[in-house]
């Protein structure tokens, strides 16, 4: 006793060529939808700042002038793209964020007097656990943060120094 395989009723009403193509077409559409949804993942490591007003304008001006290469590292911005975040290299990477809040570790003006100043830009240093540093440009209309993980450069301050002139021009 053999059973004959039959197409479902809704397919049997269709002409033969359409029935033959229904399953492959559905499969192809499914594959296209799946591949289309595989975009680059959002970068959970980097929080995107949301500056407002003039600070946002200054940050966009800074973003327009940022280099495609920094200290020999190619620019590779995180996803999703933002005018307030830039990154160079992939691992370890140097990350610039513009429009960040006031650094928590900076509590009074006397501390800023000991922070390094490069080309009239004062950078507040905060050591990271991996041997790197986070430098925040203070005394500006918008705070700019540059995170330099351990091993990204020979001297962590080099990245802040390389960006000082751009910060000075874009953010009063």
N, C-alpha and C. Protein backbone atom coordinates (compact mmCIF):
# COMPACT_ATOMS: atom_id res chain seq x y z
N UNK A 1 0.84 -1.16 0.00
CA UNK A 1 0.00 0.00 0.00
C UNK A 1 0.89 1.24 0.00
N UNK A 2 0.94 1.87 -1.11
CA UNK A 2 1.75 3.08 -1.21
C UNK A 2 0.83 4.29 -1.28
N UNK A 3 1.33 5.32 -0.68
CA UNK A 3 0.55 6.57 -0.70
C UNK A 3 1.17 7.51 -1.71
N UNK A 4 0.36 8.17 -2.40
CA UNK A 4 0.82 9.13 -3.38
C UNK A 4 0.98 10.48 -2.67
N UNK A 5 2.12 11.12 -2.91
CA UNK A 5 2.35 12.44 -2.33
C UNK A 5 1.61 13.48 -3.15
N UNK A 6 0.87 14.29 -2.47
CA UNK A 6 0.11 15.33 -3.15
C UNK A 6 0.46 16.69 -2.57
N UNK A 7 0.36 17.66 -3.42
CA UNK A 7 0.60 19.04 -2.99
C UNK A 7 -0.57 19.49 -2.13
N UNK A 8 -0.33 20.39 -1.18
CA UNK A 8 -1.44 20.92 -0.40
C UNK A 8 -2.48 21.56 -1.33
N UNK A 9 -3.70 21.65 -0.87
CA UNK A 9 -4.81 22.13 -1.69
C UNK A 9 -4.54 23.52 -2.27
N UNK A 10 -3.97 24.42 -1.46
CA UNK A 10 -3.78 25.77 -1.97
C UNK A 10 -2.77 25.79 -3.12
N UNK A 11 -1.85 24.81 -3.15
CA UNK A 11 -0.90 24.73 -4.26
C UNK A 11 -1.49 23.99 -5.46
N UNK A 12 -2.36 23.05 -5.23
CA UNK A 12 -2.91 22.26 -6.34
C UNK A 12 -3.78 23.10 -7.27
N UNK A 13 -4.28 24.21 -6.80
CA UNK A 13 -5.10 25.08 -7.65
C UNK A 13 -4.23 25.92 -8.59
N UNK A 14 -2.94 25.95 -8.34
CA UNK A 14 -2.03 26.74 -9.18
C UNK A 14 -1.54 25.93 -10.37
N UNK A 15 -1.17 26.60 -11.46
CA UNK A 15 -0.60 25.88 -12.60
C UNK A 15 0.70 25.19 -12.20
N UNK A 16 1.06 24.12 -12.90
CA UNK A 16 2.23 23.31 -12.57
C UNK A 16 3.53 24.10 -12.45
N UNK A 17 3.88 24.99 -13.37
CA UNK A 17 5.15 25.72 -13.22
C UNK A 17 5.20 26.56 -11.95
N UNK A 18 4.09 27.12 -11.56
CA UNK A 18 4.05 27.92 -10.33
C UNK A 18 4.24 27.02 -9.12
N UNK A 19 3.60 25.84 -9.13
CA UNK A 19 3.76 24.90 -8.02
C UNK A 19 5.21 24.47 -7.88
N UNK A 20 5.86 24.22 -9.00
CA UNK A 20 7.26 23.75 -8.95
C UNK A 20 8.19 24.83 -8.39
N UNK A 21 7.85 26.07 -8.61
CA UNK A 21 8.72 27.16 -8.16
C UNK A 21 8.36 27.70 -6.78
N UNK A 22 7.23 27.31 -6.23
CA UNK A 22 6.77 27.87 -4.96
C UNK A 22 7.74 27.60 -3.81
N UNK A 23 8.15 26.36 -3.64
CA UNK A 23 9.04 26.02 -2.53
C UNK A 23 10.42 26.65 -2.70
N UNK A 24 11.07 26.53 -3.88
CA UNK A 24 12.38 27.19 -4.03
C UNK A 24 12.31 28.71 -3.85
N UNK A 25 11.24 29.32 -4.31
CA UNK A 25 11.09 30.77 -4.14
C UNK A 25 10.95 31.13 -2.67
N UNK A 26 10.15 30.40 -1.94
CA UNK A 26 9.98 30.65 -0.51
C UNK A 26 11.30 30.47 0.23
N UNK A 27 12.05 29.44 -0.14
CA UNK A 27 13.35 29.21 0.49
C UNK A 27 14.33 30.34 0.17
N UNK A 28 14.36 30.78 -1.09
CA UNK A 28 15.26 31.87 -1.48
C UNK A 28 14.90 33.16 -0.75
N UNK A 29 13.62 33.44 -0.61
CA UNK A 29 13.19 34.64 0.12
C UNK A 29 13.60 34.57 1.59
N UNK A 30 13.49 33.42 2.18
CA UNK A 30 13.90 33.24 3.58
C UNK A 30 15.39 33.50 3.74
N UNK A 31 16.18 32.97 2.82
CA UNK A 31 17.63 33.19 2.88
C UNK A 31 17.96 34.67 2.73
N UNK A 32 17.31 35.35 1.82
CA UNK A 32 17.55 36.79 1.61
C UNK A 32 17.20 37.58 2.87
N UNK A 33 16.11 37.26 3.50
CA UNK A 33 15.71 37.96 4.73
C UNK A 33 16.73 37.71 5.84
N UNK A 34 17.17 36.47 5.99
CA UNK A 34 18.16 36.16 7.03
C UNK A 34 19.48 36.87 6.78
N UNK A 35 19.96 36.84 5.56
CA UNK A 35 21.23 37.50 5.26
C UNK A 35 21.10 39.01 5.42
N UNK A 36 19.98 39.57 5.03
CA UNK A 36 19.76 41.00 5.18
C UNK A 36 19.73 41.45 6.63
N UNK A 37 19.34 40.58 7.52
CA UNK A 37 19.28 40.96 8.93
C UNK A 37 20.62 40.78 9.63
N UNK A 38 21.60 40.21 8.94
CA UNK A 38 22.92 40.03 9.53
C UNK A 38 23.79 41.24 9.24
N UNK A 39 23.49 42.35 9.82
CA UNK A 39 24.32 43.53 9.67
C UNK A 39 25.42 43.49 10.70
N UNK A 40 26.34 44.46 10.63
CA UNK A 40 27.35 44.50 11.66
C UNK A 40 26.69 44.77 13.01
N UNK A 41 27.08 44.07 14.04
CA UNK A 41 26.43 44.26 15.34
C UNK A 41 26.79 45.61 15.95
N UNK A 42 25.91 46.11 16.76
CA UNK A 42 26.22 47.33 17.49
C UNK A 42 27.39 47.05 18.42
N UNK A 43 28.23 48.05 18.62
CA UNK A 43 29.41 47.86 19.47
C UNK A 43 29.03 48.16 20.92
N UNK A 44 28.85 47.11 21.74
CA UNK A 44 28.39 47.33 23.10
C UNK A 44 29.45 47.95 24.01
N UNK A 45 30.72 47.92 23.56
CA UNK A 45 31.80 48.44 24.40
C UNK A 45 31.84 49.95 24.44
N UNK A 46 31.27 50.60 23.45
CA UNK A 46 31.40 52.05 23.33
C UNK A 46 30.04 52.71 23.50
N UNK A 47 29.94 53.52 24.51
CA UNK A 47 28.71 54.27 24.75
C UNK A 47 28.78 55.56 23.94
N UNK A 48 27.76 55.81 23.14
CA UNK A 48 27.73 57.00 22.30
C UNK A 48 27.19 58.18 23.11
N UNK A 49 28.00 59.25 23.23
CA UNK A 49 27.50 60.43 23.95
C UNK A 49 26.42 61.14 23.14
N UNK A 50 25.64 61.95 23.81
CA UNK A 50 24.57 62.70 23.15
C UNK A 50 24.67 64.17 23.54
N UNK A 51 25.67 64.88 22.99
CA UNK A 51 25.79 66.30 23.33
C UNK A 51 24.63 67.10 22.77
N UNK A 52 24.36 68.24 23.35
CA UNK A 52 23.24 69.08 22.93
C UNK A 52 23.76 70.48 22.58
N UNK A 53 22.98 71.19 21.81
CA UNK A 53 23.25 72.60 21.50
C UNK A 53 24.60 72.82 20.85
N UNK A 54 25.30 73.82 21.35
CA UNK A 54 26.61 74.20 20.79
C UNK A 54 27.62 73.07 20.90
N UNK A 55 27.57 72.31 21.99
CA UNK A 55 28.51 71.19 22.16
C UNK A 55 28.37 70.21 21.01
N UNK A 56 27.14 69.93 20.58
CA UNK A 56 26.92 69.01 19.46
C UNK A 56 27.51 69.59 18.18
N UNK A 57 27.34 70.90 17.96
CA UNK A 57 27.92 71.55 16.78
C UNK A 57 29.44 71.44 16.79
N UNK A 58 30.04 71.69 17.93
CA UNK A 58 31.50 71.61 18.04
C UNK A 58 31.98 70.19 17.78
N UNK A 59 31.27 69.22 18.30
CA UNK A 59 31.65 67.82 18.11
C UNK A 59 31.54 67.41 16.64
N UNK A 60 30.51 67.87 15.97
CA UNK A 60 30.39 67.56 14.53
C UNK A 60 31.52 68.21 13.75
N UNK A 61 31.92 69.42 14.13
CA UNK A 61 33.05 70.10 13.47
C UNK A 61 34.34 69.31 13.70
N UNK A 62 34.52 68.80 14.91
CA UNK A 62 35.69 67.98 15.21
C UNK A 62 35.67 66.70 14.37
N UNK A 63 34.52 66.06 14.29
CA UNK A 63 34.38 64.81 13.54
C UNK A 63 34.76 65.01 12.07
N UNK A 64 34.40 66.16 11.51
CA UNK A 64 34.69 66.44 10.09
C UNK A 64 36.19 66.54 9.84
N UNK A 65 36.96 66.89 10.85
CA UNK A 65 38.40 67.06 10.67
C UNK A 65 39.26 65.90 11.14
N UNK A 66 38.64 64.85 11.67
CA UNK A 66 39.43 63.73 12.19
C UNK A 66 40.13 62.97 11.07
N UNK A 67 41.35 62.51 11.33
CA UNK A 67 42.13 61.83 10.28
C UNK A 67 41.68 60.38 10.04
N UNK A 68 42.01 59.87 8.86
CA UNK A 68 41.72 58.47 8.52
C UNK A 68 42.78 57.54 9.10
N UNK A 69 43.90 58.12 9.55
CA UNK A 69 44.95 57.33 10.18
C UNK A 69 45.49 58.10 11.38
N UNK A 70 45.69 57.40 12.48
CA UNK A 70 46.21 58.01 13.70
C UNK A 70 47.34 57.15 14.24
N UNK A 71 48.54 57.70 14.26
CA UNK A 71 49.72 57.00 14.77
C UNK A 71 49.92 55.64 14.10
N UNK A 72 49.66 55.59 12.81
CA UNK A 72 49.84 54.35 12.06
C UNK A 72 48.66 53.40 12.12
N UNK A 73 47.59 53.79 12.80
CA UNK A 73 46.39 52.95 12.89
C UNK A 73 45.32 53.48 11.94
N UNK A 74 44.75 52.61 11.13
CA UNK A 74 43.67 53.00 10.21
C UNK A 74 42.39 53.25 10.99
N UNK A 75 41.60 54.18 10.50
CA UNK A 75 40.33 54.49 11.16
C UNK A 75 39.32 53.39 10.88
N UNK A 76 38.67 52.94 11.92
CA UNK A 76 37.63 51.92 11.82
C UNK A 76 36.58 52.24 12.88
N UNK A 77 35.61 53.06 12.47
CA UNK A 77 34.60 53.52 13.42
C UNK A 77 33.68 52.39 13.83
N UNK A 78 33.19 52.45 15.08
CA UNK A 78 32.27 51.41 15.55
C UNK A 78 30.91 51.54 14.88
N UNK A 79 30.13 50.50 14.98
CA UNK A 79 28.79 50.48 14.42
C UNK A 79 27.79 50.55 15.57
N UNK A 80 26.73 51.28 15.48
CA UNK A 80 26.33 52.15 14.39
C UNK A 80 27.16 53.43 14.39
N UNK A 81 27.31 54.03 13.20
CA UNK A 81 28.12 55.23 13.05
C UNK A 81 27.51 56.40 13.81
N UNK A 82 28.37 57.25 14.35
CA UNK A 82 27.94 58.43 15.08
C UNK A 82 28.96 59.54 14.84
N UNK A 83 28.51 60.79 14.72
CA UNK A 83 29.47 61.88 14.57
C UNK A 83 30.21 62.18 15.88
N UNK A 84 29.83 61.52 16.95
CA UNK A 84 30.44 61.79 18.25
C UNK A 84 31.44 60.72 18.69
N UNK A 85 31.65 59.69 17.84
CA UNK A 85 32.56 58.60 18.19
C UNK A 85 33.41 58.25 16.97
N UNK A 86 34.72 58.09 17.21
CA UNK A 86 35.64 57.65 16.15
C UNK A 86 36.60 56.65 16.78
N UNK A 87 37.12 55.73 15.97
CA UNK A 87 38.06 54.74 16.48
C UNK A 87 39.10 54.44 15.41
N UNK A 88 40.29 54.08 15.89
CA UNK A 88 41.38 53.72 14.99
C UNK A 88 41.92 52.35 15.41
N UNK A 89 42.16 51.50 14.41
CA UNK A 89 42.63 50.12 14.59
C UNK A 89 41.48 49.26 15.10
N UNK A 90 41.74 47.97 15.24
CA UNK A 90 40.67 47.10 15.70
C UNK A 90 40.97 46.50 17.06
N UNK A 91 42.22 46.17 17.32
CA UNK A 91 42.52 45.58 18.61
C UNK A 91 43.99 45.76 18.94
N UNK A 92 44.36 46.43 19.97
CA UNK A 92 43.50 47.32 20.75
C UNK A 92 43.25 48.60 19.97
N UNK A 93 42.15 49.23 20.21
CA UNK A 93 41.80 50.41 19.43
C UNK A 93 41.76 51.67 20.28
N UNK A 94 42.10 52.75 19.62
CA UNK A 94 42.04 54.08 20.22
C UNK A 94 40.64 54.62 19.91
N UNK A 95 39.95 55.12 20.91
CA UNK A 95 38.57 55.60 20.72
C UNK A 95 38.46 57.04 21.17
N UNK A 96 37.88 57.87 20.32
CA UNK A 96 37.59 59.26 20.66
C UNK A 96 36.08 59.40 20.79
N UNK A 97 35.64 60.03 21.89
CA UNK A 97 34.22 60.33 22.09
C UNK A 97 34.11 61.81 22.40
N UNK A 98 33.24 62.50 21.71
CA UNK A 98 33.08 63.94 21.92
C UNK A 98 31.71 64.21 22.53
N UNK A 99 31.69 65.14 23.47
CA UNK A 99 30.44 65.48 24.14
C UNK A 99 30.18 64.64 25.37
N UNK A 100 31.24 64.10 25.95
CA UNK A 100 31.10 63.27 27.15
C UNK A 100 30.87 64.16 28.37
N UNK A 101 30.36 63.61 29.46
CA UNK A 101 30.18 64.40 30.68
C UNK A 101 31.53 64.73 31.34
N UNK A 102 31.47 65.63 32.28
CA UNK A 102 32.65 66.02 33.07
C UNK A 102 33.27 64.78 33.71
N UNK A 103 34.60 64.61 33.64
CA UNK A 103 35.22 63.41 34.24
C UNK A 103 34.96 63.33 35.74
N UNK A 104 34.56 62.15 36.20
CA UNK A 104 34.24 61.97 37.63
C UNK A 104 35.44 62.20 38.53
N UNK A 105 36.62 61.80 38.08
CA UNK A 105 37.81 61.93 38.92
C UNK A 105 38.32 63.35 39.05
N UNK A 106 37.84 64.25 38.23
CA UNK A 106 38.29 65.65 38.26
C UNK A 106 37.32 66.44 39.13
N UNK A 107 37.75 66.74 40.36
CA UNK A 107 36.83 67.37 41.31
C UNK A 107 37.12 68.84 41.56
N UNK A 108 38.33 69.31 41.31
CA UNK A 108 38.59 70.73 41.51
C UNK A 108 39.61 71.26 40.50
N UNK A 109 39.68 72.58 40.40
CA UNK A 109 40.55 73.22 39.41
C UNK A 109 42.03 73.00 39.69
N UNK A 110 42.40 72.77 40.95
CA UNK A 110 43.81 72.54 41.28
C UNK A 110 44.33 71.28 40.60
N UNK A 111 43.46 70.29 40.44
CA UNK A 111 43.88 69.07 39.76
C UNK A 111 44.23 69.34 38.30
N UNK A 112 43.49 70.25 37.67
CA UNK A 112 43.74 70.56 36.27
C UNK A 112 45.11 71.21 36.07
N UNK A 113 45.61 71.87 37.10
CA UNK A 113 46.92 72.53 37.00
C UNK A 113 48.04 71.50 36.78
N UNK A 114 47.87 70.28 37.26
CA UNK A 114 48.91 69.26 37.09
C UNK A 114 48.69 68.38 35.86
N UNK A 115 47.55 68.56 35.19
CA UNK A 115 47.26 67.77 33.99
C UNK A 115 48.12 68.27 32.84
N UNK A 116 48.56 67.38 31.95
CA UNK A 116 49.39 67.82 30.83
C UNK A 116 48.61 68.71 29.86
N UNK A 117 49.27 69.74 29.36
CA UNK A 117 48.70 70.63 28.37
C UNK A 117 49.53 70.53 27.11
N UNK A 118 48.87 70.23 25.99
CA UNK A 118 49.55 70.08 24.71
C UNK A 118 48.88 71.01 23.72
N UNK A 119 49.64 71.95 23.19
CA UNK A 119 49.12 72.93 22.22
C UNK A 119 47.85 73.61 22.74
N UNK A 120 47.90 74.07 23.97
CA UNK A 120 46.80 74.78 24.63
C UNK A 120 45.56 73.93 24.90
N UNK A 121 45.70 72.62 24.87
CA UNK A 121 44.60 71.72 25.23
C UNK A 121 45.04 70.93 26.47
N UNK A 122 44.26 71.05 27.54
CA UNK A 122 44.57 70.35 28.79
C UNK A 122 43.88 68.99 28.77
N UNK A 123 44.66 67.94 29.02
CA UNK A 123 44.15 66.56 28.99
C UNK A 123 44.19 65.98 30.39
N UNK A 124 43.02 65.67 30.94
CA UNK A 124 42.95 65.04 32.26
C UNK A 124 43.16 63.54 32.10
N UNK A 125 44.25 62.99 32.70
CA UNK A 125 44.53 61.55 32.54
C UNK A 125 43.85 60.70 33.61
N UNK A 126 43.34 59.56 33.19
CA UNK A 126 42.79 58.57 34.12
C UNK A 126 43.36 57.21 33.73
N UNK A 127 44.12 56.57 34.61
CA UNK A 127 44.68 55.26 34.25
C UNK A 127 43.59 54.19 34.15
N UNK A 128 43.78 53.30 33.18
CA UNK A 128 42.88 52.17 32.99
C UNK A 128 43.55 50.92 33.56
N UNK A 129 42.80 49.91 33.81
CA UNK A 129 43.34 48.69 34.39
C UNK A 129 44.28 47.92 33.48
N UNK A 130 44.22 48.15 32.18
CA UNK A 130 45.04 47.39 31.24
C UNK A 130 46.38 48.04 30.92
N UNK A 131 46.74 49.10 31.65
CA UNK A 131 47.99 49.80 31.39
C UNK A 131 47.79 50.99 30.46
N UNK A 132 46.59 51.20 29.99
CA UNK A 132 46.30 52.32 29.12
C UNK A 132 45.76 53.50 29.91
N UNK A 133 45.32 54.52 29.18
CA UNK A 133 44.79 55.73 29.81
C UNK A 133 43.57 56.24 29.07
N UNK A 134 42.75 56.97 29.80
CA UNK A 134 41.66 57.74 29.22
C UNK A 134 42.04 59.20 29.47
N UNK A 135 42.12 59.96 28.40
CA UNK A 135 42.43 61.38 28.49
C UNK A 135 41.19 62.17 28.11
N UNK A 136 40.84 63.17 28.94
CA UNK A 136 39.68 64.01 28.63
C UNK A 136 40.15 65.44 28.50
N UNK A 137 39.85 66.03 27.33
CA UNK A 137 40.19 67.44 27.11
C UNK A 137 39.23 68.28 27.94
N UNK A 138 39.78 69.04 28.86
CA UNK A 138 38.97 69.88 29.74
C UNK A 138 39.14 71.34 29.32
N UNK A 139 38.47 72.23 29.99
CA UNK A 139 38.53 73.67 29.72
C UNK A 139 38.11 73.97 28.28
N UNK A 140 37.15 73.23 27.77
CA UNK A 140 36.62 73.41 26.42
C UNK A 140 35.10 73.47 26.49
N UNK A 141 34.47 73.96 25.43
CA UNK A 141 33.00 74.06 25.39
C UNK A 141 32.35 72.68 25.33
N UNK A 142 33.11 71.67 24.93
CA UNK A 142 32.64 70.28 24.94
C UNK A 142 33.81 69.41 25.37
N UNK A 143 33.55 68.45 26.23
CA UNK A 143 34.61 67.55 26.67
C UNK A 143 34.86 66.49 25.61
N UNK A 144 36.14 66.23 25.34
CA UNK A 144 36.54 65.22 24.36
C UNK A 144 37.35 64.17 25.10
N UNK A 145 36.97 62.91 24.93
CA UNK A 145 37.64 61.81 25.63
C UNK A 145 38.36 60.94 24.60
N UNK A 146 39.62 60.62 24.91
CA UNK A 146 40.40 59.72 24.07
C UNK A 146 40.84 58.56 24.94
N UNK A 147 40.39 57.36 24.61
CA UNK A 147 40.76 56.16 25.36
C UNK A 147 41.85 55.43 24.60
N UNK A 148 42.98 55.22 25.27
CA UNK A 148 44.13 54.56 24.66
C UNK A 148 44.44 53.32 25.50
N UNK A 149 44.03 52.13 25.04
CA UNK A 149 44.30 50.92 25.81
C UNK A 149 45.79 50.60 25.84
N UNK A 150 46.20 49.85 26.84
CA UNK A 150 47.59 49.42 26.93
C UNK A 150 48.02 48.69 25.67
N UNK A 151 49.17 49.05 25.12
CA UNK A 151 49.69 48.39 23.94
C UNK A 151 49.27 49.01 22.62
N UNK A 152 48.36 49.98 22.64
CA UNK A 152 47.90 50.61 21.39
C UNK A 152 48.98 51.53 20.82
N UNK A 153 49.74 52.17 21.70
CA UNK A 153 50.83 53.06 21.28
C UNK A 153 51.99 52.90 22.24
N UNK A 154 53.15 53.40 21.83
CA UNK A 154 54.30 53.35 22.71
C UNK A 154 54.09 54.19 23.96
N UNK A 155 53.55 55.39 23.78
CA UNK A 155 53.25 56.31 24.88
C UNK A 155 51.77 56.67 24.76
N UNK A 156 50.94 56.36 25.74
CA UNK A 156 49.50 56.64 25.64
C UNK A 156 49.18 58.10 25.34
N UNK A 157 50.00 59.03 25.80
CA UNK A 157 49.74 60.46 25.59
C UNK A 157 49.93 60.86 24.12
N UNK A 158 50.61 60.03 23.33
CA UNK A 158 50.83 60.35 21.92
C UNK A 158 49.52 60.54 21.16
N UNK A 159 48.51 59.74 21.46
CA UNK A 159 47.22 59.85 20.76
C UNK A 159 46.56 61.19 21.08
N UNK A 160 46.56 61.58 22.35
CA UNK A 160 45.98 62.87 22.73
C UNK A 160 46.78 64.01 22.09
N UNK A 161 48.09 63.87 22.06
CA UNK A 161 48.94 64.90 21.45
C UNK A 161 48.64 65.04 19.96
N UNK A 162 48.43 63.92 19.28
CA UNK A 162 48.16 63.95 17.85
C UNK A 162 46.81 64.59 17.54
N UNK A 163 45.89 64.57 18.48
CA UNK A 163 44.55 65.12 18.27
C UNK A 163 44.38 66.53 18.85
N UNK A 164 45.38 67.02 19.59
CA UNK A 164 45.26 68.32 20.27
C UNK A 164 44.96 69.46 19.33
N UNK A 165 45.67 69.55 18.21
CA UNK A 165 45.44 70.68 17.29
C UNK A 165 44.02 70.65 16.73
N UNK A 166 43.51 69.46 16.42
CA UNK A 166 42.14 69.34 15.90
C UNK A 166 41.11 69.77 16.95
N UNK A 167 41.33 69.38 18.19
CA UNK A 167 40.43 69.75 19.28
C UNK A 167 40.48 71.27 19.48
N UNK A 168 41.69 71.82 19.46
CA UNK A 168 41.87 73.27 19.66
C UNK A 168 41.13 74.07 18.60
N UNK A 169 41.18 73.64 17.34
CA UNK A 169 40.53 74.36 16.25
C UNK A 169 39.02 74.20 16.29
N UNK A 170 38.53 73.00 16.58
CA UNK A 170 37.08 72.73 16.50
C UNK A 170 36.29 73.14 17.73
N UNK A 171 36.91 73.10 18.90
CA UNK A 171 36.17 73.33 20.15
C UNK A 171 36.83 74.44 20.95
N UNK A 172 36.17 75.58 21.07
CA UNK A 172 36.76 76.70 21.84
C UNK A 172 36.82 76.41 23.33
